[in-house]
């Protein structure tokens, strides 16, 4: 069975809750990746969100949606779209699925919905980053046709 979602623009009230939870989740992922200790990861998350979404939902070029299956919220999509010399390019900062409904096809459905939105905007490519330890997301993105464009590696001593 194929799952589909409808994207609706994020409201200001929903944004406040999203921003708090997303910063915590991002900090956790930074620390889990081994990039920095937890306290530094929290600061990096605050700084990154503050820089990227300086004007919240009104930040130019940034688009945030909530993904719904019927009336049920199942995830979030955050894209940044910018003009380059060869056309519009999008970068997905967040393709997230609510934890209790993961592994039910919603991640795939959000990617499909994101691609449709991008096509409607005239976007020529979509990029994203995924933490190395997130094997489920990496596998999904590869299945959806995303290709590796860079790899960052480290070795713990």
Protein backbone atom coordinates (compact mmCIF):
# COMPACT_ATOMS: atom_id res chain seq x y z
CA UNK A 1 0.00 0.00 0.00
CA UNK A 2 1.37 3.41 -1.01
CA UNK A 3 1.04 6.22 1.50
CA UNK A 4 0.52 9.82 0.40
CA UNK A 5 0.72 13.01 2.40
CA UNK A 6 -0.58 16.51 1.95
CA UNK A 7 1.76 19.39 2.76
CA UNK A 8 0.29 22.43 4.47
CA UNK A 9 2.29 25.57 5.28
CA UNK A 10 3.48 25.57 8.87
CA UNK A 11 1.60 27.99 11.13
CA UNK A 12 3.33 30.39 13.51
CA UNK A 13 2.06 28.42 16.52
CA UNK A 14 3.29 25.12 15.08
CA UNK A 15 6.63 26.73 14.18
CA UNK A 16 7.38 27.59 17.81
CA UNK A 17 6.93 23.97 18.90
CA UNK A 18 8.80 22.69 15.85
CA UNK A 19 11.76 25.00 16.39
CA UNK A 20 12.25 23.92 20.01
CA UNK A 21 11.99 20.21 19.26
CA UNK A 22 14.06 20.41 16.06
CA UNK A 23 16.94 22.19 17.80
CA UNK A 24 17.02 19.51 20.51
CA UNK A 25 16.88 16.72 17.93
CA UNK A 26 19.59 18.32 15.79
CA UNK A 27 21.86 18.80 18.82
CA UNK A 28 21.33 15.17 19.80
CA UNK A 29 22.27 14.04 16.27
CA UNK A 30 25.38 16.23 16.21
CA UNK A 31 26.53 14.73 19.51
CA UNK A 32 25.58 11.18 18.46
CA UNK A 33 27.67 11.59 15.32
CA UNK A 34 30.69 12.24 17.51
CA UNK A 35 31.25 15.69 15.98
CA UNK A 36 31.12 17.53 19.31
CA UNK A 37 30.19 16.93 22.95
CA UNK A 38 26.53 17.41 23.88
CA UNK A 39 26.97 20.90 25.39
CA UNK A 40 28.75 22.19 22.28
CA UNK A 41 26.20 20.45 20.05
CA UNK A 42 23.36 22.32 21.79
CA UNK A 43 25.12 25.63 21.17
CA UNK A 44 25.80 24.74 17.53
CA UNK A 45 22.16 23.82 17.03
CA UNK A 46 21.01 27.16 18.49
CA UNK A 47 23.48 29.06 16.32
CA UNK A 48 22.62 27.15 13.13
CA UNK A 49 18.87 27.57 13.55
CA UNK A 50 19.32 31.23 14.48
CA UNK A 51 21.39 31.83 11.34
CA UNK A 52 19.30 29.74 8.95
CA UNK A 53 15.86 30.84 10.16
CA UNK A 54 16.77 34.35 11.32
CA UNK A 55 13.24 35.58 10.55
CA UNK A 56 11.44 32.38 11.52
CA UNK A 57 8.74 31.41 9.03
CA UNK A 58 9.34 34.69 7.18
CA UNK A 59 12.99 33.93 6.39
CA UNK A 60 13.43 34.50 2.63
CA UNK A 61 13.92 31.34 0.60
CA UNK A 62 12.94 29.00 3.43
CA UNK A 63 9.71 27.00 3.26
CA UNK A 64 8.32 24.91 6.11
CA UNK A 65 5.36 22.57 5.82
CA UNK A 66 3.58 20.08 8.02
CA UNK A 67 2.81 16.73 6.36
CA UNK A 68 -0.64 15.25 6.96
CA UNK A 69 -2.23 11.89 6.30
CA UNK A 70 -5.85 13.00 6.33
CA UNK A 71 -6.20 15.06 9.50
CA UNK A 72 -3.25 13.41 11.24
CA UNK A 73 0.08 15.24 11.37
CA UNK A 74 2.79 12.75 10.41
CA UNK A 75 5.86 14.86 9.72
CA UNK A 76 7.58 18.07 8.71
CA UNK A 77 9.39 19.33 5.63
CA UNK A 78 11.83 22.27 5.57
CA UNK A 79 13.33 23.34 2.26
CA UNK A 80 15.59 26.22 1.34
CA UNK A 81 15.35 27.30 -2.31
CA UNK A 82 17.93 29.54 -3.96
CA UNK A 83 18.74 30.77 -7.43
CA UNK A 84 22.06 29.69 -8.92
CA UNK A 85 23.47 30.27 -12.39
CA UNK A 86 21.82 27.10 -13.75
CA UNK A 87 18.41 27.51 -12.08
CA UNK A 88 16.70 27.04 -8.76
CA UNK A 89 18.20 24.56 -6.31
CA UNK A 90 16.61 23.29 -3.11
CA UNK A 91 18.23 21.96 0.03
CA UNK A 92 16.20 19.88 2.45
CA UNK A 93 17.10 20.83 5.99
CA UNK A 94 14.44 18.60 7.50
CA UNK A 95 12.48 15.63 6.18
CA UNK A 96 11.13 14.31 9.47
CA UNK A 97 8.51 11.76 10.41
CA UNK A 98 6.82 11.60 13.80
CA UNK A 99 8.58 8.87 15.79
CA UNK A 100 5.50 6.74 16.48
CA UNK A 101 4.57 6.45 12.78
CA UNK A 102 8.02 5.75 11.36
CA UNK A 103 8.53 2.76 9.06
CA UNK A 104 5.03 3.13 7.62
CA UNK A 105 5.99 4.85 4.35
CA UNK A 106 5.64 8.44 5.49
CA UNK A 107 9.31 9.31 4.91
CA UNK A 108 9.00 8.17 1.31
CA UNK A 109 5.72 10.07 0.97
CA UNK A 110 7.27 13.29 2.30
CA UNK A 111 10.16 12.98 -0.17
CA UNK A 112 7.67 12.45 -3.03
CA UNK A 113 5.66 15.49 -1.87
CA UNK A 114 8.86 17.56 -1.61
CA UNK A 115 9.85 16.60 -5.15
CA UNK A 116 6.41 17.63 -6.41
CA UNK A 117 6.59 21.00 -4.66
CA UNK A 118 10.07 21.53 -6.10
CA UNK A 119 8.94 20.66 -9.63
CA UNK A 120 6.08 23.16 -9.28
CA UNK A 121 8.60 25.85 -8.25
CA UNK A 122 10.91 25.00 -11.16
CA UNK A 123 13.68 23.59 -8.97
CA UNK A 124 16.34 21.65 -10.91
CA UNK A 125 17.91 19.72 -8.02
CA UNK A 126 17.32 18.87 -4.38
CA UNK A 127 20.13 18.24 -1.90
CA UNK A 128 20.21 17.14 1.71
CA UNK A 129 22.57 16.02 4.43
CA UNK A 130 22.16 12.93 6.55
CA UNK A 131 24.16 11.85 9.58
CA UNK A 132 26.29 8.79 8.84
CA UNK A 133 24.80 6.75 11.67
CA UNK A 134 21.23 7.24 10.34
CA UNK A 135 21.21 4.13 8.19
CA UNK A 136 17.44 4.10 7.74
CA UNK A 137 17.36 7.62 6.30
CA UNK A 138 20.42 6.98 4.16
CA UNK A 139 18.82 3.87 2.71
CA UNK A 140 15.55 5.68 2.00
CA UNK A 141 17.29 8.58 0.26
CA UNK A 142 19.36 6.21 -1.88
CA UNK A 143 16.18 4.28 -2.81
CA UNK A 144 14.58 7.60 -3.78
CA UNK A 145 17.43 8.36 -6.20
CA UNK A 146 19.63 10.67 -4.12
CA UNK A 147 23.32 10.26 -4.88
CA UNK A 148 26.27 10.87 -2.60
CA UNK A 149 27.92 14.18 -3.48
CA UNK A 150 30.40 14.37 -0.57
CA UNK A 151 31.48 12.22 2.35
CA UNK A 152 32.96 13.54 5.56
CA UNK A 153 34.88 10.99 7.61
CA UNK A 154 36.64 10.87 10.95
CA UNK A 155 38.38 8.34 13.13
CA UNK A 156 38.12 8.35 16.91
CA UNK A 157 41.48 7.85 18.60
